[in-house]
């Protein structure tokens, strides 16, 4: 288990932790650790989603600027 997994791996690990908790298969001695890890992973995913959203917006803005420049008459 890496400390900072990729987005997909983080989501899979969150799902696994939630499943363990829902199925009551997680040992009470490690419950707090699992909850802390899930919280870390959720924050990581939120940050990556926000970063990706900003990057996509920037790309689209640049594309729109290029379109405006390309459509101006000579």
C-alpha atoms as a PDB file:
ATOM      1  CA  UNK A   1       0.000   0.000   0.000  1.00  0.00           C
ATOM      2  CA  UNK A   2       1.651   3.213  -1.225  1.00  0.00           C
ATOM      3  CA  UNK A   3       1.213   6.417   0.759  1.00  0.00           C
ATOM      4  CA  UNK A   4       0.124   8.436  -2.274  1.00  0.00           C
ATOM      5  CA  UNK A   5      -1.547   6.196  -4.830  1.00  0.00           C
ATOM      6  CA  UNK A   6      -2.952   7.305  -8.152  1.00  0.00           C
ATOM      7  CA  UNK A   7      -6.585   8.397  -8.330  1.00  0.00           C
ATOM      8  CA  UNK A   8      -7.890   5.018  -9.489  1.00  0.00           C
ATOM      9  CA  UNK A   9      -5.952   3.127  -6.845  1.00  0.00           C
ATOM     10  CA  UNK A  10      -7.134   5.557  -4.154  1.00  0.00           C
ATOM     11  CA  UNK A  11     -10.773   5.068  -5.129  1.00  0.00           C
ATOM     12  CA  UNK A  12     -10.331   1.294  -5.115  1.00  0.00           C
ATOM     13  CA  UNK A  13      -8.718   1.423  -1.687  1.00  0.00           C
ATOM     14  CA  UNK A  14     -11.514   3.648  -0.347  1.00  0.00           C
ATOM     15  CA  UNK A  15     -14.083   1.189  -1.699  1.00  0.00           C
ATOM     16  CA  UNK A  16     -12.212  -1.673  -0.045  1.00  0.00           C
ATOM     17  CA  UNK A  17     -12.104   0.108   3.311  1.00  0.00           C
ATOM     18  CA  UNK A  18     -15.802   0.987   3.118  1.00  0.00           C
ATOM     19  CA  UNK A  19     -16.629  -2.603   2.232  1.00  0.00           C
ATOM     20  CA  UNK A  20     -14.639  -3.911   5.197  1.00  0.00           C
ATOM     21  CA  UNK A  21     -16.397  -1.492   7.539  1.00  0.00           C
ATOM     22  CA  UNK A  22     -19.861  -2.242   6.128  1.00  0.00           C
ATOM     23  CA  UNK A  23     -19.255  -5.988   6.297  1.00  0.00           C
ATOM     24  CA  UNK A  24     -17.946  -5.555   9.817  1.00  0.00           C
ATOM     25  CA  UNK A  25     -14.813  -7.482   8.846  1.00  0.00           C
ATOM     26  CA  UNK A  26     -12.447  -4.754   9.975  1.00  0.00           C
ATOM     27  CA  UNK A  27     -10.833  -5.448  13.297  1.00  0.00           C
ATOM     28  CA  UNK A  28     -11.838  -2.867  15.899  1.00  0.00           C
ATOM     29  CA  UNK A  29      -8.163  -2.460  16.775  1.00  0.00           C
ATOM     30  CA  UNK A  30      -7.417  -1.095  13.286  1.00  0.00           C
ATOM     31  CA  UNK A  31     -10.703   0.725  12.669  1.00  0.00           C
ATOM     32  CA  UNK A  32      -9.277   4.154  13.507  1.00  0.00           C
ATOM     33  CA  UNK A  33      -6.315   3.498  11.178  1.00  0.00           C
ATOM     34  CA  UNK A  34      -8.656   2.533   8.347  1.00  0.00           C
ATOM     35  CA  UNK A  35     -10.807   5.633   8.870  1.00  0.00           C
ATOM     36  CA  UNK A  36      -7.707   7.863   8.897  1.00  0.00           C
ATOM     37  CA  UNK A  37      -6.447   6.236   5.705  1.00  0.00           C
ATOM     38  CA  UNK A  38      -9.833   6.623   4.016  1.00  0.00           C
ATOM     39  CA  UNK A  39      -9.941  10.295   5.030  1.00  0.00           C
ATOM     40  CA  UNK A  40      -6.456  10.837   3.589  1.00  0.00           C
ATOM     41  CA  UNK A  41      -7.449   9.125   0.340  1.00  0.00           C
ATOM     42  CA  UNK A  42     -10.675  11.117   0.018  1.00  0.00           C
ATOM     43  CA  UNK A  43      -8.759  14.387   0.455  1.00  0.00           C
ATOM     44  CA  UNK A  44      -6.231  13.204  -2.124  1.00  0.00           C
ATOM     45  CA  UNK A  45      -8.977  12.392  -4.628  1.00  0.00           C
ATOM     46  CA  UNK A  46     -10.705  15.729  -4.063  1.00  0.00           C
ATOM     47  CA  UNK A  47      -7.428  17.571  -4.622  1.00  0.00           C
ATOM     48  CA  UNK A  48      -6.705  15.641  -7.815  1.00  0.00           C
ATOM     49  CA  UNK A  49     -10.221  16.260  -9.123  1.00  0.00           C
ATOM     50  CA  UNK A  50      -9.946  19.980  -8.404  1.00  0.00           C
ATOM     51  CA  UNK A  51      -6.528  20.158 -10.069  1.00  0.00           C
ATOM     52  CA  UNK A  52      -7.787  18.292 -13.119  1.00  0.00           C
ATOM     53  CA  UNK A  53     -10.869  20.507 -13.315  1.00  0.00           C
ATOM     54  CA  UNK A  54      -8.682  23.630 -13.266  1.00  0.00           C
ATOM     55  CA  UNK A  55      -6.371  22.199 -15.919  1.00  0.00           C
ATOM     56  CA  UNK A  56      -9.289  21.344 -18.197  1.00  0.00           C
ATOM     57  CA  UNK A  57     -10.765  24.825 -17.742  1.00  0.00           C
ATOM     58  CA  UNK A  58      -7.404  26.399 -18.627  1.00  0.00           C
ATOM     59  CA  UNK A  59      -7.071  24.270 -21.742  1.00  0.00           C
ATOM     60  CA  UNK A  60     -10.600  25.167 -22.847  1.00  0.00           C
ATOM     61  CA  UNK A  61      -9.970  28.872 -22.231  1.00  0.00           C
ATOM     62  CA  UNK A  62      -6.802  28.711 -24.323  1.00  0.00           C
ATOM     63  CA  UNK A  63      -8.671  26.885 -27.058  1.00  0.00           C
ATOM     64  CA  UNK A  64     -11.416  29.531 -27.063  1.00  0.00           C
ATOM     65  CA  UNK A  65      -8.802  32.315 -27.271  1.00  0.00           C
ATOM     66  CA  UNK A  66      -7.166  30.586 -30.232  1.00  0.00           C
ATOM     67  CA  UNK A  67     -10.565  30.201 -31.910  1.00  0.00           C
ATOM     68  CA  UNK A  68     -11.268  33.916 -31.454  1.00  0.00           C
ATOM     69  CA  UNK A  69      -7.846  34.832 -32.867  1.00  0.00           C
ATOM     70  CA  UNK A  70      -8.261  32.464 -35.808  1.00  0.00           C
ATOM     71  CA  UNK A  71     -11.698  33.836 -36.682  1.00  0.00           C
ATOM     72  CA  UNK A  72     -10.620  37.517 -36.762  1.00  0.00           C
ATOM     73  CA  UNK A  73     -10.459  38.961 -40.289  1.00  0.00           C
ATOM     74  CA  UNK A  74      -7.108  40.037 -41.680  1.00  0.00           C
END
